Amino acid sequence: MESFARAVEIVLKDSELKDAPGYCPTAALWAYAVQHCGYVQSRHATGRVLVTA
């Protein structure tokens, strides 16, 4: 859950300055947030390596 909250935090902080009516975070921003939220890194650290999609 902590990783999920961190991903949302990354998106919200990045979107803060871009906020406007109709704004929607891009798929690339969500992908960046998922890669940098710590989830993948924690899976590697605990030996539960995920298969690359």
PDB file of N, CA and C in Angstrom:
ATOM      1  N   MET A   1       0.821  -1.192   0.000  1.00  0.00           N
ATOM      2  CA  MET A   1       0.000   0.000   0.000  1.00  0.00           C
ATOM      3  C   MET A   1       0.872   1.266   0.000  1.00  0.00           C
ATOM      4  N   GLU A   2       2.000   1.184   0.681  1.00  0.00           N
ATOM      5  CA  GLU A   2       2.894   2.341   0.739  1.00  0.00           C
ATOM      6  C   GLU A   2       3.413   2.709  -0.656  1.00  0.00           C
ATOM      7  N   SER A   3       3.728   1.704  -1.448  1.00  0.00           N
ATOM      8  CA  SER A   3       4.210   1.962  -2.809  1.00  0.00           C
ATOM      9  C   SER A   3       3.120   2.601  -3.657  1.00  0.00           C
ATOM     10  N   PHE A   4       1.894   2.130  -3.506  1.00  0.00           N
ATOM     11  CA  PHE A   4       0.775   2.712  -4.243  1.00  0.00           C
ATOM     12  C   PHE A   4       0.607   4.182  -3.874  1.00  0.00           C
ATOM     13  N   ALA A   5       0.645   4.471  -2.580  1.00  0.00           N
ATOM     14  CA  ALA A   5       0.500   5.856  -2.123  1.00  0.00           C
ATOM     15  C   ALA A   5       1.642   6.726  -2.653  1.00  0.00           C
ATOM     16  N   ARG A   6       2.840   6.180  -2.704  1.00  0.00           N
ATOM     17  CA  ARG A   6       3.988   6.924  -3.222  1.00  0.00           C
ATOM     18  C   ARG A   6       3.815   7.218  -4.717  1.00  0.00           C
ATOM     19  N   ALA A   7       3.305   6.251  -5.484  1.00  0.00           N
ATOM     20  CA  ALA A   7       3.065   6.467  -6.911  1.00  0.00           C
ATOM     21  C   ALA A   7       2.046   7.580  -7.120  1.00  0.00           C
ATOM     22  N   VAL A   8       0.983   7.560  -6.349  1.00  0.00           N
ATOM     23  CA  VAL A   8      -0.041   8.613  -6.445  1.00  0.00           C
ATOM     24  C   VAL A   8       0.558   9.959  -6.054  1.00  0.00           C
ATOM     25  N   GLU A   9       1.383   9.972  -5.020  1.00  0.00           N
ATOM     26  CA  GLU A   9       2.036  11.210  -4.588  1.00  0.00           C
ATOM     27  C   GLU A   9       2.916  11.790  -5.705  1.00  0.00           C
ATOM     28  N   ILE A  10       3.670  10.930  -6.381  1.00  0.00           N
ATOM     29  CA  ILE A  10       4.522  11.387  -7.480  1.00  0.00           C
ATOM     30  C   ILE A  10       3.675  12.037  -8.566  1.00  0.00           C
ATOM     31  N   VAL A  11       2.574  11.393  -8.931  1.00  0.00           N
ATOM     32  CA  VAL A  11       1.703  11.935  -9.983  1.00  0.00           C
ATOM     33  C   VAL A  11       1.084  13.255  -9.545  1.00  0.00           C
ATOM     34  N   LEU A  12       0.606  13.320  -8.312  1.00  0.00           N
ATOM     35  CA  LEU A  12      -0.033  14.551  -7.835  1.00  0.00           C
ATOM     36  C   LEU A  12       0.959  15.711  -7.767  1.00  0.00           C
ATOM     37  N   LYS A  13       2.159  15.448  -7.288  1.00  0.00           N
ATOM     38  CA  LYS A  13       3.156  16.518  -7.202  1.00  0.00           C
ATOM     39  C   LYS A  13       3.568  17.010  -8.581  1.00  0.00           C
ATOM     40  N   ASP A  14       3.717  16.085  -9.528  1.00  0.00           N
ATOM     41  CA  ASP A  14       4.090  16.475 -10.882  1.00  0.00           C
ATOM     42  C   ASP A  14       2.943  17.224 -11.569  1.00  0.00           C
ATOM     43  N   SER A  15       1.724  16.858 -11.257  1.00  0.00           N
ATOM     44  CA  SER A  15       0.551  17.451 -11.904  1.00  0.00           C
ATOM     45  C   SER A  15       0.148  18.795 -11.309  1.00  0.00           C
ATOM     46  N   GLU A  16       0.679  19.131 -10.156  1.00  0.00           N
ATOM     47  CA  GLU A  16       0.276  20.348  -9.448  1.00  0.00           C
ATOM     48  C   GLU A  16       0.375  21.594 -10.325  1.00  0.00           C
ATOM     49  N   LEU A  17       1.476  21.780 -11.014  1.00  0.00           N
ATOM     50  CA  LEU A  17       1.673  22.980 -11.817  1.00  0.00           C
ATOM     51  C   LEU A  17       0.930  22.925 -13.153  1.00  0.00           C
ATOM     52  N   LYS A  18       0.553  21.725 -13.570  1.00  0.00           N
ATOM     53  CA  LYS A  18      -0.127  21.561 -14.854  1.00  0.00           C
ATOM     54  C   LYS A  18      -1.650  21.553 -14.704  1.00  0.00           C
ATOM     55  N   ASP A  19      -2.138  21.636 -13.482  1.00  0.00           N
ATOM     56  CA  ASP A  19      -3.561  21.498 -13.220  1.00  0.00           C
ATOM     57  C   ASP A  19      -4.381  22.562 -13.945  1.00  0.00           C
ATOM     58  N   ALA A  20      -5.392  22.110 -14.631  1.00  0.00           N
ATOM     59  CA  ALA A  20      -6.308  22.983 -15.366  1.00  0.00           C
ATOM     60  C   ALA A  20      -7.556  22.164 -15.678  1.00  0.00           C
ATOM     61  N   PRO A  21      -8.647  22.828 -16.007  1.00  0.00           N
ATOM     62  CA  PRO A  21      -9.847  22.071 -16.385  1.00  0.00           C
ATOM     63  C   PRO A  21      -9.536  21.104 -17.531  1.00  0.00           C
ATOM     64  N   GLY A  22      -9.907  19.864 -17.364  1.00  0.00           N
ATOM     65  CA  GLY A  22      -9.686  18.863 -18.389  1.00  0.00           C
ATOM     66  C   GLY A  22      -8.331  18.185 -18.340  1.00  0.00           C
ATOM     67  N   TYR A  23      -7.469  18.586 -17.416  1.00  0.00           N
ATOM     68  CA  TYR A  23      -6.141  17.966 -17.325  1.00  0.00           C
ATOM     69  C   TYR A  23      -6.275  16.510 -16.898  1.00  0.00           C
ATOM     70  N   CYS A  24      -5.488  15.665 -17.513  1.00  0.00           N
ATOM     71  CA  CYS A  24      -5.434  14.249 -17.163  1.00  0.00           C
ATOM     72  C   CYS A  24      -3.973  13.817 -17.222  1.00  0.00           C
ATOM     73  N   PRO A  25      -3.443  13.221 -16.165  1.00  0.00           N
ATOM     74  CA  PRO A  25      -2.057  12.760 -16.199  1.00  0.00           C
ATOM     75  C   PRO A  25      -1.855  11.761 -17.343  1.00  0.00           C
ATOM     76  N   THR A  26      -0.729  11.836 -17.990  1.00  0.00           N
ATOM     77  CA  THR A  26      -0.442  10.957 -19.116  1.00  0.00           C
ATOM     78  C   THR A  26      -0.076   9.551 -18.639  1.00  0.00           C
ATOM     79  N   ALA A  27      -0.185   8.610 -19.552  1.00  0.00           N
ATOM     80  CA  ALA A  27       0.228   7.238 -19.246  1.00  0.00           C
ATOM     81  C   ALA A  27       1.720   7.188 -18.940  1.00  0.00           C
ATOM     82  N   ALA A  28       2.494   8.031 -19.615  1.00  0.00           N
ATOM     83  CA  ALA A  28       3.944   8.073 -19.371  1.00  0.00           C
ATOM     84  C   ALA A  28       4.247   8.530 -17.946  1.00  0.00           C
ATOM     85  N   LEU A  29       3.478   9.478 -17.439  1.00  0.00           N
ATOM     86  CA  LEU A  29       3.681   9.935 -16.060  1.00  0.00           C
ATOM     87  C   LEU A  29       3.352   8.824 -15.070  1.00  0.00           C
ATOM     88  N   TRP A  30       2.280   8.090 -15.316  1.00  0.00           N
ATOM     89  CA  TRP A  30       1.931   6.967 -14.438  1.00  0.00           C
ATOM     90  C   TRP A  30       3.004   5.888 -14.490  1.00  0.00           C
ATOM     91  N   ALA A  31       3.521   5.615 -15.685  1.00  0.00           N
ATOM     92  CA  ALA A  31       4.585   4.617 -15.814  1.00  0.00           C
ATOM     93  C   ALA A  31       5.826   5.055 -15.042  1.00  0.00           C
ATOM     94  N   TYR A  32       6.178   6.334 -15.144  1.00  0.00           N
ATOM     95  CA  TYR A  32       7.308   6.883 -14.399  1.00  0.00           C
ATOM     96  C   TYR A  32       7.077   6.718 -12.894  1.00  0.00           C
ATOM     97  N   ALA A  33       5.881   7.041 -12.442  1.00  0.00           N
ATOM     98  CA  ALA A  33       5.561   6.953 -11.009  1.00  0.00           C
ATOM     99  C   ALA A  33       5.667   5.518 -10.506  1.00  0.00           C
ATOM    100  N   VAL A  34       5.186   4.567 -11.291  1.00  0.00           N
ATOM    101  CA  VAL A  34       5.267   3.161 -10.894  1.00  0.00           C
ATOM    102  C   VAL A  34       6.720   2.706 -10.814  1.00  0.00           C
ATOM    103  N   GLN A  35       7.546   3.125 -11.767  1.00  0.00           N
ATOM    104  CA  GLN A  35       8.947   2.732 -11.763  1.00  0.00           C
ATOM    105  C   GLN A  35       9.734   3.369 -10.621  1.00  0.00           C
ATOM    106  N   HIS A  36       9.269   4.512 -10.114  1.00  0.00           N
ATOM    107  CA  HIS A  36      10.025   5.243  -9.091  1.00  0.00           C
ATOM    108  C   HIS A  36       9.371   5.258  -7.705  1.00  0.00           C
ATOM    109  N   CYS A  37       8.323   4.465  -7.509  1.00  0.00           N
ATOM    110  CA  CYS A  37       7.635   4.473  -6.209  1.00  0.00           C
ATOM    111  C   CYS A  37       8.277   3.530  -5.202  1.00  0.00           C
ATOM    112  N   GLY A  38       9.165   2.673  -5.662  1.00  0.00           N
ATOM    113  CA  GLY A  38       9.855   1.765  -4.754  1.00  0.00           C
ATOM    114  C   GLY A  38       9.324   0.347  -4.764  1.00  0.00           C
ATOM    115  N   TYR A  39       8.213   0.088  -5.428  1.00  0.00           N
ATOM    116  CA  TYR A  39       7.632  -1.260  -5.426  1.00  0.00           C
ATOM    117  C   TYR A  39       8.527  -2.268  -6.133  1.00  0.00           C
ATOM    118  N   VAL A  40       8.939  -1.947  -7.338  1.00  0.00           N
ATOM    119  CA  VAL A  40       9.778  -2.870  -8.105  1.00  0.00           C
ATOM    120  C   VAL A  40      11.093  -3.108  -7.373  1.00  0.00           C
ATOM    121  N   GLN A  41      11.675  -2.046  -6.845  1.00  0.00           N
ATOM    122  CA  GLN A  41      12.937  -2.171  -6.122  1.00  0.00           C
ATOM    123  C   GLN A  41      12.781  -3.066  -4.885  1.00  0.00           C
ATOM    124  N   SER A  42      11.664  -2.939  -4.174  1.00  0.00           N
ATOM    125  CA  SER A  42      11.461  -3.764  -2.978  1.00  0.00           C
ATOM    126  C   SER A  42      11.255  -5.224  -3.348  1.00  0.00           C
ATOM    127  N   ARG A  43      10.607  -5.475  -4.486  1.00  0.00           N
ATOM    128  CA  ARG A  43      10.431  -6.861  -4.937  1.00  0.00           C
ATOM    129  C   ARG A  43      11.786  -7.479  -5.278  1.00  0.00           C
ATOM    130  N   HIS A  44      12.652  -6.723  -5.918  1.00  0.00           N
ATOM    131  CA  HIS A  44      13.985  -7.230  -6.234  1.00  0.00           C
ATOM    132  C   HIS A  44      14.784  -7.479  -4.955  1.00  0.00           C
ATOM    133  N   ALA A  45      14.670  -6.582  -4.001  1.00  0.00           N
ATOM    134  CA  ALA A  45      15.434  -6.696  -2.757  1.00  0.00           C
ATOM    135  C   ALA A  45      15.007  -7.913  -1.935  1.00  0.00           C
ATOM    136  N   THR A  46      13.741  -8.280  -2.012  1.00  0.00           N
ATOM    137  CA  THR A  46      13.260  -9.422  -1.227  1.00  0.00           C
ATOM    138  C   THR A  46      13.329 -10.734  -2.001  1.00  0.00           C
ATOM    139  N   GLY A  47      13.850 -10.665  -3.235  1.00  0.00           N
ATOM    140  CA  GLY A  47      13.994 -11.879  -4.021  1.00  0.00           C
ATOM    141  C   GLY A  47      12.758 -12.275  -4.782  1.00  0.00           C
ATOM    142  N   ARG A  48      11.741 -11.463  -4.752  1.00  0.00           N
ATOM    143  CA  ARG A  48      10.507 -11.750  -5.488  1.00  0.00           C
ATOM    144  C   ARG A  48      10.508 -10.938  -6.774  1.00  0.00           C
ATOM    145  N   VAL A  49      11.398 -11.284  -7.665  1.00  0.00           N
ATOM    146  CA  VAL A  49      11.609 -10.531  -8.897  1.00  0.00           C
ATOM    147  C   VAL A  49      10.422 -10.703  -9.831  1.00  0.00           C
ATOM    148  N   LEU A  50       9.952  -9.588 -10.361  1.00  0.00           N
ATOM    149  CA  LEU A  50       8.835  -9.609 -11.283  1.00  0.00           C
ATOM    150  C   LEU A  50       9.328  -9.814 -12.704  1.00  0.00           C
ATOM    151  N   VAL A  51       8.522 -10.439 -13.499  1.00  0.00           N
ATOM    152  CA  VAL A  51       8.840 -10.616 -14.917  1.00  0.00           C
ATOM    153  C   VAL A  51       8.602  -9.294 -15.616  1.00  0.00           C
ATOM    154  N   THR A  52       9.545  -8.872 -16.459  1.00  0.00           N
ATOM    155  CA  THR A  52       9.417  -7.612 -17.194  1.00  0.00           C
ATOM    156  C   THR A  52       8.309  -7.751 -18.218  1.00  0.00           C
ATOM    157  N   ALA A  53       7.404  -6.763 -18.234  1.00  0.00           N
ATOM    158  CA  ALA A  53       6.271  -6.818 -19.168  1.00  0.00           C
ATOM    159  C   ALA A  53       6.680  -6.331 -20.524  1.00  0.00           C
TER     160      ALA A  53
END
